[in-house]
Amino acid sequence: MGMDEQKNGQELPEEPEKKEKQQEIPTRSMMLMIVAGAYLLYTGYTLCKNVLAGQDGASWGFFAAGAAFIVIGAGMLFYGIKCYNDRSKAKRLAEEAEEAAAAEMPEEETEE
């Protein structure tokens, strides 16, 4: 039991840190999601356009696939841009807070 209690005690503080790291999406993943979303939008548009133009070999199955690509691509593009903007905003706010804290530090030292 002693080892189980120690093991449980050690795992509990680590779990919130792991959750924070898992929720954080790397910037390159967001950029890749944006590029993939744009590509899916383009591909879906092309498929739908070919079906509506009546090109040879284009069937309504391609139209359905194109519509699905457009929906998925738009979702990926929106989510990637939203996460990137949120990350940029958080980074900017953190930098502003550090600058404000650094600006306040010398004033406190001179008062003493």
PDB file of N, CA and C in Angstrom:
ATOM      1  N   MET A   1       0.818  -1.191   0.000  1.00  0.00           N
ATOM      2  CA  MET A   1       0.000   0.000   0.000  1.00  0.00           C
ATOM      3  C   MET A   1       0.861   1.254   0.000  1.00  0.00           C
ATOM      4  N   GLY A   2       1.976   1.220   0.678  1.00  0.00           N
ATOM      5  CA  GLY A   2       2.828   2.396   0.760  1.00  0.00           C
ATOM      6  C   GLY A   2       3.299   2.845  -0.621  1.00  0.00           C
ATOM      7  N   MET A   3       3.669   1.880  -1.466  1.00  0.00           N
ATOM      8  CA  MET A   3       4.129   2.220  -2.806  1.00  0.00           C
ATOM      9  C   MET A   3       2.972   2.713  -3.671  1.00  0.00           C
ATOM     10  N   ASP A   4       1.782   2.125  -3.478  1.00  0.00           N
ATOM     11  CA  ASP A   4       0.621   2.581  -4.244  1.00  0.00           C
ATOM     12  C   ASP A   4       0.274   4.018  -3.895  1.00  0.00           C
ATOM     13  N   GLU A   5       0.354   4.355  -2.604  1.00  0.00           N
ATOM     14  CA  GLU A   5       0.039   5.719  -2.188  1.00  0.00           C
ATOM     15  C   GLU A   5       1.061   6.696  -2.758  1.00  0.00           C
ATOM     16  N   GLN A   6       2.334   6.307  -2.750  1.00  0.00           N
ATOM     17  CA  GLN A   6       3.372   7.174  -3.300  1.00  0.00           C
ATOM     18  C   GLN A   6       3.180   7.312  -4.807  1.00  0.00           C
ATOM     19  N   LYS A   7       2.871   6.199  -5.438  1.00  0.00           N
ATOM     20  CA  LYS A   7       2.672   6.219  -6.891  1.00  0.00           C
ATOM     21  C   LYS A   7       1.479   7.106  -7.238  1.00  0.00           C
ATOM     22  N   ASN A   8       0.378   6.944  -6.516  1.00  0.00           N
ATOM     23  CA  ASN A   8      -0.800   7.777  -6.767  1.00  0.00           C
ATOM     24  C   ASN A   8      -0.499   9.237  -6.463  1.00  0.00           C
ATOM     25  N   GLY A   9       0.248   9.486  -5.407  1.00  0.00           N
ATOM     26  CA  GLY A   9       0.603  10.848  -5.050  1.00  0.00           C
ATOM     27  C   GLY A   9       1.471  11.504  -6.110  1.00  0.00           C
ATOM     28  N   GLN A  10       2.329  10.733  -6.749  1.00  0.00           N
ATOM     29  CA  GLN A  10       3.193  11.283  -7.785  1.00  0.00           C
ATOM     30  C   GLN A  10       2.435  11.471  -9.091  1.00  0.00           C
ATOM     31  N   GLU A  11       1.480  10.620  -9.375  1.00  0.00           N
ATOM     32  CA  GLU A  11       0.770  10.709 -10.650  1.00  0.00           C
ATOM     33  C   GLU A  11      -0.230  11.863 -10.671  1.00  0.00           C
ATOM     34  N   LEU A  12      -0.839  12.173  -9.554  1.00  0.00           N
ATOM     35  CA  LEU A  12      -1.856  13.227  -9.538  1.00  0.00           C
ATOM     36  C   LEU A  12      -1.308  14.584  -9.962  1.00  0.00           C
ATOM     37  N   PRO A  13      -0.169  15.046  -9.439  1.00  0.00           N
ATOM     38  CA  PRO A  13       0.329  16.346  -9.891  1.00  0.00           C
ATOM     39  C   PRO A  13       0.747  16.342 -11.359  1.00  0.00           C
ATOM     40  N   GLU A  14       1.170  15.211 -11.909  1.00  0.00           N
ATOM     41  CA  GLU A  14       1.629  15.159 -13.289  1.00  0.00           C
ATOM     42  C   GLU A  14       0.470  15.184 -14.278  1.00  0.00           C
ATOM     43  N   GLU A  15      -0.686  14.704 -13.899  1.00  0.00           N
ATOM     44  CA  GLU A  15      -1.805  14.628 -14.831  1.00  0.00           C
ATOM     45  C   GLU A  15      -2.245  15.982 -15.362  1.00  0.00           C
ATOM     46  N   PRO A  16      -2.398  17.040 -14.537  1.00  0.00           N
ATOM     47  CA  PRO A  16      -2.787  18.335 -15.107  1.00  0.00           C
ATOM     48  C   PRO A  16      -1.753  18.862 -16.090  1.00  0.00           C
ATOM     49  N   GLU A  17      -0.460  18.629 -15.823  1.00  0.00           N
ATOM     50  CA  GLU A  17       0.572  19.072 -16.745  1.00  0.00           C
ATOM     51  C   GLU A  17       0.445  18.346 -18.075  1.00  0.00           C
ATOM     52  N   LYS A  18       0.162  17.051 -18.043  1.00  0.00           N
ATOM     53  CA  LYS A  18       0.013  16.282 -19.265  1.00  0.00           C
ATOM     54  C   LYS A  18      -1.193  16.758 -20.056  1.00  0.00           C
ATOM     55  N   LYS A  19      -2.281  17.078 -19.361  1.00  0.00           N
ATOM     56  CA  LYS A  19      -3.477  17.551 -20.046  1.00  0.00           C
ATOM     57  C   LYS A  19      -3.210  18.869 -20.750  1.00  0.00           C
ATOM     58  N   GLU A  20      -2.458  19.770 -20.091  1.00  0.00           N
ATOM     59  CA  GLU A  20      -2.139  21.053 -20.707  1.00  0.00           C
ATOM     60  C   GLU A  20      -1.282  20.857 -21.945  1.00  0.00           C
ATOM     61  N   LYS A  21      -0.328  19.953 -21.877  1.00  0.00           N
ATOM     62  CA  LYS A  21       0.535  19.703 -23.029  1.00  0.00           C
ATOM     63  C   LYS A  21      -0.239  19.029 -24.156  1.00  0.00           C
ATOM     64  N   GLN A  22      -1.187  18.158 -23.835  1.00  0.00           N
ATOM     65  CA  GLN A  22      -1.951  17.478 -24.868  1.00  0.00           C
ATOM     66  C   GLN A  22      -2.905  18.444 -25.559  1.00  0.00           C
ATOM     67  N   GLN A  23      -3.436  19.414 -24.842  1.00  0.00           N
ATOM     68  CA  GLN A  23      -4.365  20.356 -25.426  1.00  0.00           C
ATOM     69  C   GLN A  23      -3.660  21.362 -26.321  1.00  0.00           C
ATOM     70  N   GLU A  24      -2.390  21.571 -26.117  1.00  0.00           N
ATOM     71  CA  GLU A  24      -1.638  22.549 -26.876  1.00  0.00           C
ATOM     72  C   GLU A  24      -1.256  21.959 -28.237  1.00  0.00           C
ATOM     73  N   ILE A  25      -1.663  22.626 -29.295  1.00  0.00           N
ATOM     74  CA  ILE A  25      -1.374  22.166 -30.648  1.00  0.00           C
ATOM     75  C   ILE A  25      -0.152  22.925 -31.154  1.00  0.00           C
ATOM     76  N   PRO A  26       0.860  22.223 -31.659  1.00  0.00           N
ATOM     77  CA  PRO A  26       2.043  22.921 -32.182  1.00  0.00           C
ATOM     78  C   PRO A  26       1.684  23.826 -33.361  1.00  0.00           C
ATOM     79  N   THR A  27       2.460  24.886 -33.534  1.00  0.00           N
ATOM     80  CA  THR A  27       2.206  25.853 -34.599  1.00  0.00           C
ATOM     81  C   THR A  27       2.302  25.191 -35.966  1.00  0.00           C
ATOM     82  N   ARG A  28       3.268  24.293 -36.158  1.00  0.00           N
ATOM     83  CA  ARG A  28       3.400  23.643 -37.466  1.00  0.00           C
ATOM     84  C   ARG A  28       2.180  22.783 -37.779  1.00  0.00           C
ATOM     85  N   SER A  29       1.547  22.207 -36.755  1.00  0.00           N
ATOM     86  CA  SER A  29       0.330  21.431 -36.980  1.00  0.00           C
ATOM     87  C   SER A  29      -0.821  22.329 -37.405  1.00  0.00           C
ATOM     88  N   MET A  30      -0.893  23.510 -36.798  1.00  0.00           N
ATOM     89  CA  MET A  30      -1.940  24.459 -37.190  1.00  0.00           C
ATOM     90  C   MET A  30      -1.729  24.925 -38.623  1.00  0.00           C
ATOM     91  N   MET A  31      -0.477  25.196 -38.982  1.00  0.00           N
ATOM     92  CA  MET A  31      -0.179  25.629 -40.352  1.00  0.00           C
ATOM     93  C   MET A  31      -0.500  24.513 -41.349  1.00  0.00           C
ATOM     94  N   LEU A  32      -0.163  23.293 -40.994  1.00  0.00           N
ATOM     95  CA  LEU A  32      -0.465  22.162 -41.861  1.00  0.00           C
ATOM     96  C   LEU A  32      -1.972  21.989 -42.011  1.00  0.00           C
ATOM     97  N   MET A  33      -2.718  22.212 -40.932  1.00  0.00           N
ATOM     98  CA  MET A  33      -4.168  22.112 -40.982  1.00  0.00           C
ATOM     99  C   MET A  33      -4.750  23.190 -41.902  1.00  0.00           C
ATOM    100  N   ILE A  34      -4.186  24.388 -41.851  1.00  0.00           N
ATOM    101  CA  ILE A  34      -4.646  25.475 -42.716  1.00  0.00           C
ATOM    102  C   ILE A  34      -4.389  25.140 -44.180  1.00  0.00           C
ATOM    103  N   VAL A  35      -3.196  24.641 -44.479  1.00  0.00           N
ATOM    104  CA  VAL A  35      -2.854  24.284 -45.860  1.00  0.00           C
ATOM    105  C   VAL A  35      -3.729  23.132 -46.348  1.00  0.00           C
ATOM    106  N   ALA A  36      -3.910  22.120 -45.517  1.00  0.00           N
ATOM    107  CA  ALA A  36      -4.736  20.968 -45.904  1.00  0.00           C
ATOM    108  C   ALA A  36      -6.191  21.392 -46.110  1.00  0.00           C
ATOM    109  N   GLY A  37      -6.690  22.277 -45.258  1.00  0.00           N
ATOM    110  CA  GLY A  37      -8.058  22.771 -45.411  1.00  0.00           C
ATOM    111  C   GLY A  37      -8.239  23.530 -46.707  1.00  0.00           C
ATOM    112  N   ALA A  38      -7.253  24.374 -47.050  1.00  0.00           N
ATOM    113  CA  ALA A  38      -7.318  25.120 -48.310  1.00  0.00           C
ATOM    114  C   ALA A  38      -7.277  24.160 -49.500  1.00  0.00           C
ATOM    115  N   TYR A  39      -6.440  23.129 -49.410  1.00  0.00           N
ATOM    116  CA  TYR A  39      -6.360  22.148 -50.498  1.00  0.00           C
ATOM    117  C   TYR A  39      -7.683  21.387 -50.657  1.00  0.00           C
ATOM    118  N   LEU A  40      -8.284  20.990 -49.554  1.00  0.00           N
ATOM    119  CA  LEU A  40      -9.562  20.294 -49.632  1.00  0.00           C
ATOM    120  C   LEU A  40     -10.653  21.193 -50.204  1.00  0.00           C
ATOM    121  N   LEU A  41     -10.646  22.465 -49.842  1.00  0.00           N
ATOM    122  CA  LEU A  41     -11.610  23.406 -50.423  1.00  0.00           C
ATOM    123  C   LEU A  41     -11.424  23.493 -51.942  1.00  0.00           C
ATOM    124  N   TYR A  42     -10.182  23.613 -52.375  1.00  0.00           N
ATOM    125  CA  TYR A  42      -9.898  23.694 -53.807  1.00  0.00           C
ATOM    126  C   TYR A  42     -10.324  22.417 -54.530  1.00  0.00           C
ATOM    127  N   THR A  43      -9.974  21.277 -53.967  1.00  0.00           N
ATOM    128  CA  THR A  43     -10.328  19.994 -54.590  1.00  0.00           C
ATOM    129  C   THR A  43     -11.838  19.812 -54.648  1.00  0.00           C
ATOM    130  N   GLY A  44     -12.529  20.128 -53.564  1.00  0.00           N
ATOM    131  CA  GLY A  44     -13.986  20.014 -53.538  1.00  0.00           C
ATOM    132  C   GLY A  44     -14.643  20.930 -54.547  1.00  0.00           C
ATOM    133  N   TYR A  45     -14.145  22.158 -54.648  1.00  0.00           N
ATOM    134  CA  TYR A  45     -14.680  23.103 -55.625  1.00  0.00           C
ATOM    135  C   TYR A  45     -14.485  22.577 -57.045  1.00  0.00           C
ATOM    136  N   THR A  46     -13.300  22.046 -57.324  1.00  0.00           N
ATOM    137  CA  THR A  46     -13.001  21.519 -58.660  1.00  0.00           C
ATOM    138  C   THR A  46     -13.904  20.340 -59.001  1.00  0.00           C
ATOM    139  N   LEU A  47     -14.089  19.430 -58.063  1.00  0.00           N
ATOM    140  CA  LEU A  47     -14.959  18.278 -58.308  1.00  0.00           C
ATOM    141  C   LEU A  47     -16.392  18.728 -58.604  1.00  0.00           C
ATOM    142  N   CYS A  48     -16.911  19.623 -57.793  1.00  0.00           N
ATOM    143  CA  CYS A  48     -18.284  20.100 -57.992  1.00  0.00           C
ATOM    144  C   CYS A  48     -18.421  20.857 -59.310  1.00  0.00           C
ATOM    145  N   LYS A  49     -17.428  21.683 -59.638  1.00  0.00           N
ATOM    146  CA  LYS A  49     -17.459  22.468 -60.873  1.00  0.00           C
ATOM    147  C   LYS A  49     -17.463  21.547 -62.097  1.00  0.00           C
ATOM    148  N   ASN A  50     -16.658  20.484 -62.049  1.00  0.00           N
ATOM    149  CA  ASN A  50     -16.596  19.544 -63.181  1.00  0.00           C
ATOM    150  C   ASN A  50     -17.927  18.831 -63.381  1.00  0.00           C
ATOM    151  N   VAL A  51     -18.590  18.462 -62.310  1.00  0.00           N
ATOM    152  CA  VAL A  51     -19.885  17.778 -62.424  1.00  0.00           C
ATOM    153  C   VAL A  51     -20.923  18.730 -62.999  1.00  0.00           C
ATOM    154  N   LEU A  52     -20.951  19.950 -62.499  1.00  0.00           N
ATOM    155  CA  LEU A  52     -21.935  20.917 -62.970  1.00  0.00           C
ATOM    156  C   LEU A  52     -21.669  21.343 -64.417  1.00  0.00           C
ATOM    157  N   ALA A  53     -20.392  21.324 -64.842  1.00  0.00           N
ATOM    158  CA  ALA A  53     -20.047  21.672 -66.221  1.00  0.00           C
ATOM    159  C   ALA A  53     -20.325  20.511 -67.172  1.00  0.00           C
ATOM    160  N   GLY A  54     -20.568  19.321 -66.628  1.00  0.00           N
ATOM    161  CA  GLY A  54     -20.887  18.153 -67.453  1.00  0.00           C
ATOM    162  C   GLY A  54     -19.684  17.542 -68.139  1.00  0.00           C
ATOM    163  N   GLN A  55     -18.529  17.616 -67.543  1.00  0.00           N
ATOM    164  CA  GLN A  55     -17.331  17.033 -68.142  1.00  0.00           C
ATOM    165  C   GLN A  55     -17.425  15.511 -68.138  1.00  0.00           C
ATOM    166  N   ASP A  56     -16.730  14.898 -69.102  1.00  0.00           N
ATOM    167  CA  ASP A  56     -16.741  13.443 -69.227  1.00  0.00           C
ATOM    168  C   ASP A  56     -16.153  12.808 -67.970  1.00  0.00           C
ATOM    169  N   GLY A  57     -16.805  11.753 -67.493  1.00  0.00           N
ATOM    170  CA  GLY A  57     -16.329  11.001 -66.337  1.00  0.00           C
ATOM    171  C   GLY A  57     -16.759  11.587 -65.007  1.00  0.00           C
ATOM    172  N   ALA A  58     -17.388  12.745 -65.010  1.00  0.00           N
ATOM    173  CA  ALA A  58     -17.836  13.359 -63.761  1.00  0.00           C
ATOM    174  C   ALA A  58     -19.249  12.859 -63.456  1.00  0.00           C
ATOM    175  N   SER A  59     -19.421  12.289 -62.272  1.00  0.00           N
ATOM    176  CA  SER A  59     -20.735  11.789 -61.882  1.00  0.00           C
ATOM    177  C   SER A  59     -21.184  12.489 -60.604  1.00  0.00           C
ATOM    178  N   TRP A  60     -22.415  12.226 -60.209  1.00  0.00           N
ATOM    179  CA  TRP A  60     -22.941  12.858 -59.014  1.00  0.00           C
ATOM    180  C   TRP A  60     -22.262  12.344 -57.750  1.00  0.00           C
ATOM    181  N   GLY A  61     -21.626  11.202 -57.838  1.00  0.00           N
ATOM    182  CA  GLY A  61     -20.825  10.716 -56.710  1.00  0.00           C
ATOM    183  C   GLY A  61     -19.649  11.645 -56.441  1.00  0.00           C
ATOM    184  N   PHE A  62     -19.055  12.145 -57.542  1.00  0.00           N
ATOM    185  CA  PHE A  62     -17.969  13.109 -57.393  1.00  0.00           C
ATOM    186  C   PHE A  62     -18.479  14.421 -56.793  1.00  0.00           C
ATOM    187  N   PHE A  63     -19.705  14.774 -57.146  1.00  0.00           N
ATOM    188  CA  PHE A  63     -20.291  15.992 -56.579  1.00  0.00           C
ATOM    189  C   PHE A  63     -20.464  15.840 -55.070  1.00  0.00           C
ATOM    190  N   ALA A  64     -20.941  14.675 -54.644  1.00  0.00           N
ATOM    191  CA  ALA A  64     -21.115  14.425 -53.210  1.00  0.00           C
ATOM    192  C   ALA A  64     -19.765  14.439 -52.490  1.00  0.00           C
ATOM    193  N   ALA A  65     -18.757  13.832 -53.117  1.00  0.00           N
ATOM    194  CA  ALA A  65     -17.416  13.837 -52.526  1.00  0.00           C
ATOM    195  C   ALA A  65     -16.875  15.267 -52.461  1.00  0.00           C
ATOM    196  N   GLY A  66     -17.120  16.022 -53.514  1.00  0.00           N
ATOM    197  CA  GLY A  66     -16.672  17.417 -53.533  1.00  0.00           C
ATOM    198  C   GLY A  66     -17.331  18.235 -52.439  1.00  0.00           C
ATOM    199  N   ALA A  67     -18.631  18.022 -52.242  1.00  0.00           N
ATOM    200  CA  ALA A  67     -19.343  18.742 -51.188  1.00  0.00           C
ATOM    201  C   ALA A  67     -18.778  18.371 -49.813  1.00  0.00           C
ATOM    202  N   ALA A  68     -18.467  17.093 -49.608  1.00  0.00           N
ATOM    203  CA  ALA A  68     -17.874  16.657 -48.339  1.00  0.00           C
ATOM    204  C   ALA A  68     -16.493  17.283 -48.148  1.00  0.00           C
ATOM    205  N   PHE A  69     -15.702  17.340 -49.227  1.00  0.00           N
ATOM    206  CA  PHE A  69     -14.379  17.965 -49.146  1.00  0.00           C
ATOM    207  C   PHE A  69     -14.503  19.437 -48.776  1.00  0.00           C
ATOM    208  N   ILE A  70     -15.486  20.112 -49.345  1.00  0.00           N
ATOM    209  CA  ILE A  70     -15.674  21.534 -49.049  1.00  0.00           C
ATOM    210  C   ILE A  70     -16.010  21.729 -47.577  1.00  0.00           C
ATOM    211  N   VAL A  71     -16.902  20.915 -47.053  1.00  0.00           N
ATOM    212  CA  VAL A  71     -17.302  21.046 -45.646  1.00  0.00           C
ATOM    213  C   VAL A  71     -16.125  20.742 -44.716  1.00  0.00           C
ATOM    214  N   ILE A  72     -15.432  19.651 -44.970  1.00  0.00           N
ATOM    215  CA  ILE A  72     -14.299  19.268 -44.124  1.00  0.00           C
ATOM    216  C   ILE A  72     -13.164  20.283 -44.254  1.00  0.00           C
ATOM    217  N   GLY A  73     -12.884  20.702 -45.476  1.00  0.00           N
ATOM    218  CA  GLY A  73     -11.823  21.691 -45.706  1.00  0.00           C
ATOM    219  C   GLY A  73     -12.117  23.009 -45.021  1.00  0.00           C
ATOM    220  N   ALA A  74     -13.367  23.463 -45.096  1.00  0.00           N
ATOM    221  CA  ALA A  74     -13.745  24.718 -44.447  1.00  0.00           C
ATOM    222  C   ALA A  74     -13.591  24.589 -42.926  1.00  0.00           C
ATOM    223  N   GLY A  75     -13.970  23.451 -42.384  1.00  0.00           N
ATOM    224  CA  GLY A  75     -13.822  23.229 -40.942  1.00  0.00           C
ATOM    225  C   GLY A  75     -12.366  23.226 -40.522  1.00  0.00           C
ATOM    226  N   MET A  76     -11.513  22.545 -41.288  1.00  0.00           N
ATOM    227  CA  MET A  76     -10.092  22.504 -40.971  1.00  0.00           C
ATOM    228  C   MET A  76      -9.469  23.893 -41.077  1.00  0.00           C
ATOM    229  N   LEU A  77      -9.844  24.614 -42.120  1.00  0.00           N
ATOM    230  CA  LEU A  77      -9.310  25.957 -42.320  1.00  0.00           C
ATOM    231  C   LEU A  77      -9.738  26.885 -41.182  1.00  0.00           C
ATOM    232  N   PHE A  78     -11.002  26.848 -40.831  1.00  0.00           N
ATOM    233  CA  PHE A  78     -11.521  27.687 -39.750  1.00  0.00           C
ATOM    234  C   PHE A  78     -10.838  27.345 -38.425  1.00  0.00           C
ATOM    235  N   TYR A  79     -10.767  26.056 -38.093  1.00  0.00           N
ATOM    236  CA  TYR A  79     -10.173  25.632 -36.825  1.00  0.00           C
ATOM    237  C   TYR A  79      -8.684  25.974 -36.763  1.00  0.00           C
ATOM    238  N   GLY A  80      -7.966  25.760 -37.869  1.00  0.00           N
ATOM    239  CA  GLY A  80      -6.538  26.071 -37.897  1.00  0.00           C
ATOM    240  C   GLY A  80      -6.279  27.555 -37.712  1.00  0.00           C
ATOM    241  N   ILE A  81      -7.058  28.398 -38.393  1.00  0.00           N
ATOM    242  CA  ILE A  81      -6.885  29.844 -38.274  1.00  0.00           C
ATOM    243  C   ILE A  81      -7.267  30.307 -36.869  1.00  0.00           C
ATOM    244  N   LYS A  82      -8.348  29.756 -36.331  1.00  0.00           N
ATOM    245  CA  LYS A  82      -8.802  30.135 -34.988  1.00  0.00           C
ATOM    246  C   LYS A  82      -7.732  29.792 -33.946  1.00  0.00           C
ATOM    247  N   CYS A  83      -7.189  28.587 -34.009  1.00  0.00           N
ATOM    248  CA  CYS A  83      -6.153  28.177 -33.042  1.00  0.00           C
ATOM    249  C   CYS A  83      -4.895  29.024 -33.201  1.00  0.00           C
ATOM    250  N   TYR A  84      -4.515  29.316 -34.435  1.00  0.00           N
ATOM    251  CA  TYR A  84      -3.326  30.133 -34.672  1.00  0.00           C
ATOM    252  C   TYR A  84      -3.519  31.542 -34.115  1.00  0.00           C
ATOM    253  N   ASN A  85      -4.687  32.130 -34.346  1.00  0.00           N
ATOM    254  CA  ASN A  85      -4.972  33.465 -33.820  1.00  0.00           C
ATOM    255  C   ASN A  85      -5.009  33.471 -32.302  1.00  0.00           C
ATOM    256  N   ASP A  86      -5.607  32.439 -31.697  1.00  0.00           N
ATOM    257  CA  ASP A  86      -5.651  32.336 -30.236  1.00  0.00           C
ATOM    258  C   ASP A  86      -4.243  32.243 -29.666  1.00  0.00           C
ATOM    259  N   ARG A  87      -3.397  31.430 -30.301  1.00  0.00           N
ATOM    260  CA  ARG A  87      -2.017  31.273 -29.833  1.00  0.00           C
ATOM    261  C   ARG A  87      -1.260  32.590 -29.963  1.00  0.00           C
ATOM    262  N   SER A  88      -1.438  33.289 -31.081  1.00  0.00           N
ATOM    263  CA  SER A  88      -0.757  34.569 -31.282  1.00  0.00           C
ATOM    264  C   SER A  88      -1.214  35.596 -30.261  1.00  0.00           C
ATOM    265  N   LYS A  89      -2.510  35.614 -29.989  1.00  0.00           N
ATOM    266  CA  LYS A  89      -3.061  36.561 -29.028  1.00  0.00           C
ATOM    267  C   LYS A  89      -2.532  36.266 -27.624  1.00  0.00           C
ATOM    268  N   ALA A  90      -2.502  35.000 -27.241  1.00  0.00           N
ATOM    269  CA  ALA A  90      -1.994  34.624 -25.920  1.00  0.00           C
ATOM    270  C   ALA A  90      -0.516  34.965 -25.788  1.00  0.00           C
ATOM    271  N   LYS A  91       0.240  34.731 -26.840  1.00  0.00           N
ATOM    272  CA  LYS A  91       1.671  35.031 -26.825  1.00  0.00           C
ATOM    273  C   LYS A  91       1.885  36.541 -26.695  1.00  0.00           C
ATOM    274  N   ARG A  92       1.100  37.326 -27.435  1.00  0.00           N
ATOM    275  CA  ARG A  92       1.208  38.778 -27.374  1.00  0.00           C
ATOM    276  C   ARG A  92       0.856  39.299 -25.975  1.00  0.00           C
ATOM    277  N   LEU A  93      -0.212  38.751 -25.383  1.00  0.00           N
ATOM    278  CA  LEU A  93      -0.612  39.171 -24.037  1.00  0.00           C
ATOM    279  C   LEU A  93       0.449  38.808 -22.998  1.00  0.00           C
ATOM    280  N   ALA A  94       1.064  37.636 -23.155  1.00  0.00           N
ATOM    281  CA  ALA A  94       2.116  37.225 -22.230  1.00  0.00           C
ATOM    282  C   ALA A  94       3.328  38.148 -22.348  1.00  0.00           C
ATOM    283  N   GLU A  95       3.677  38.532 -23.575  1.00  0.00           N
ATOM    284  CA  GLU A  95       4.804  39.441 -23.766  1.00  0.00           C
ATOM    285  C   GLU A  95       4.504  40.815 -23.174  1.00  0.00           C
ATOM    286  N   GLU A  96       3.268  41.294 -23.364  1.00  0.00           N
ATOM    287  CA  GLU A  96       2.885  42.587 -22.797  1.00  0.00           C
ATOM    288  C   GLU A  96       2.911  42.545 -21.270  1.00  0.00           C
ATOM    289  N   ALA A  97       2.487  41.427 -20.685  1.00  0.00           N
ATOM    290  CA  ALA A  97       2.509  41.282 -19.230  1.00  0.00           C
ATOM    291  C   ALA A  97       3.946  41.273 -18.717  1.00  0.00           C
ATOM    292  N   GLU A  98       4.851  40.597 -19.436  1.00  0.00           N
ATOM    293  CA  GLU A  98       6.260  40.583 -19.039  1.00  0.00           C
ATOM    294  C   GLU A  98       6.862  41.980 -19.127  1.00  0.00           C
ATOM    295  N   GLU A  99       6.524  42.711 -20.205  1.00  0.00           N
ATOM    296  CA  GLU A  99       7.044  44.071 -20.350  1.00  0.00           C
ATOM    297  C   GLU A  99       6.519  44.976 -19.238  1.00  0.00           C
ATOM    298  N   ALA A 100       5.244  44.814 -18.908  1.00  0.00           N
ATOM    299  CA  ALA A 100       4.658  45.623 -17.840  1.00  0.00           C
ATOM    300  C   ALA A 100       5.315  45.283 -16.495  1.00  0.00           C
ATOM    301  N   ALA A 101       5.559  44.004 -16.266  1.00  0.00           N
ATOM    302  CA  ALA A 101       6.212  43.591 -15.013  1.00  0.00           C
ATOM    303  C   ALA A 101       7.646  44.100 -14.968  1.00  0.00           C
ATOM    304  N   ALA A 102       8.333  44.076 -16.100  1.00  0.00           N
ATOM    305  CA  ALA A 102       9.709  44.566 -16.147  1.00  0.00           C
ATOM    306  C   ALA A 102       9.742  46.079 -15.957  1.00  0.00           C
ATOM    307  N   ALA A 103       8.738  46.773 -16.456  1.00  0.00           N
ATOM    308  CA  ALA A 103       8.682  48.231 -16.297  1.00  0.00           C
ATOM    309  C   ALA A 103       8.395  48.603 -14.847  1.00  0.00           C
ATOM    310  N   GLU A 104       7.636  47.809 -14.136  1.00  0.00           N
ATOM    311  CA  GLU A 104       7.301  48.088 -12.737  1.00  0.00           C
ATOM    312  C   GLU A 104       8.447  47.754 -11.793  1.00  0.00           C
ATOM    313  N   MET A 105       9.264  46.802 -12.134  1.00  0.00           N
ATOM    314  CA  MET A 105      10.356  46.371 -11.255  1.00  0.00           C
ATOM    315  C   MET A 105      11.322  47.504 -10.930  1.00  0.00           C
ATOM    316  N   PRO A 106      11.851  48.262 -11.878  1.00  0.00           N
ATOM    317  CA  PRO A 106      12.786  49.332 -11.512  1.00  0.00           C
ATOM    318  C   PRO A 106      12.146  50.408 -10.651  1.00  0.00           C
ATOM    319  N   GLU A 107      10.873  50.708 -10.852  1.00  0.00           N
ATOM    320  CA  GLU A 107      10.192  51.710 -10.048  1.00  0.00           C
ATOM    321  C   GLU A 107      10.132  51.274  -8.591  1.00  0.00           C
ATOM    322  N   GLU A 108       9.861  50.026  -8.338  1.00  0.00           N
ATOM    323  CA  GLU A 108       9.790  49.519  -6.967  1.00  0.00           C
ATOM    324  C   GLU A 108      11.168  49.558  -6.313  1.00  0.00           C
ATOM    325  N   GLU A 109      12.224  49.260  -7.060  1.00  0.00           N
ATOM    326  CA  GLU A 109      13.559  49.254  -6.519  1.00  0.00           C
ATOM    327  C   GLU A 109      14.013  50.674  -6.181  1.00  0.00           C
ATOM    328  N   THR A 110      13.649  51.657  -6.995  1.00  0.00           N
ATOM    329  CA  THR A 110      14.076  53.030  -6.736  1.00  0.00           C
ATOM    330  C   THR A 110      13.338  53.613  -5.535  1.00  0.00           C
ATOM    331  N   GLU A 111      12.118  53.178  -5.293  1.00  0.00           N
ATOM    332  CA  GLU A 111      11.347  53.686  -4.150  1.00  0.00           C
ATOM    333  C   GLU A 111      11.963  53.237  -2.833  1.00  0.00           C
ATOM    334  N   GLU A 112      12.535  52.059  -2.794  1.00  0.00           N
ATOM    335  CA  GLU A 112      13.115  51.519  -1.568  1.00  0.00           C
ATOM    336  C   GLU A 112      14.391  52.201  -1.320  1.00  0.00           C
TER     337      GLU A 112
END
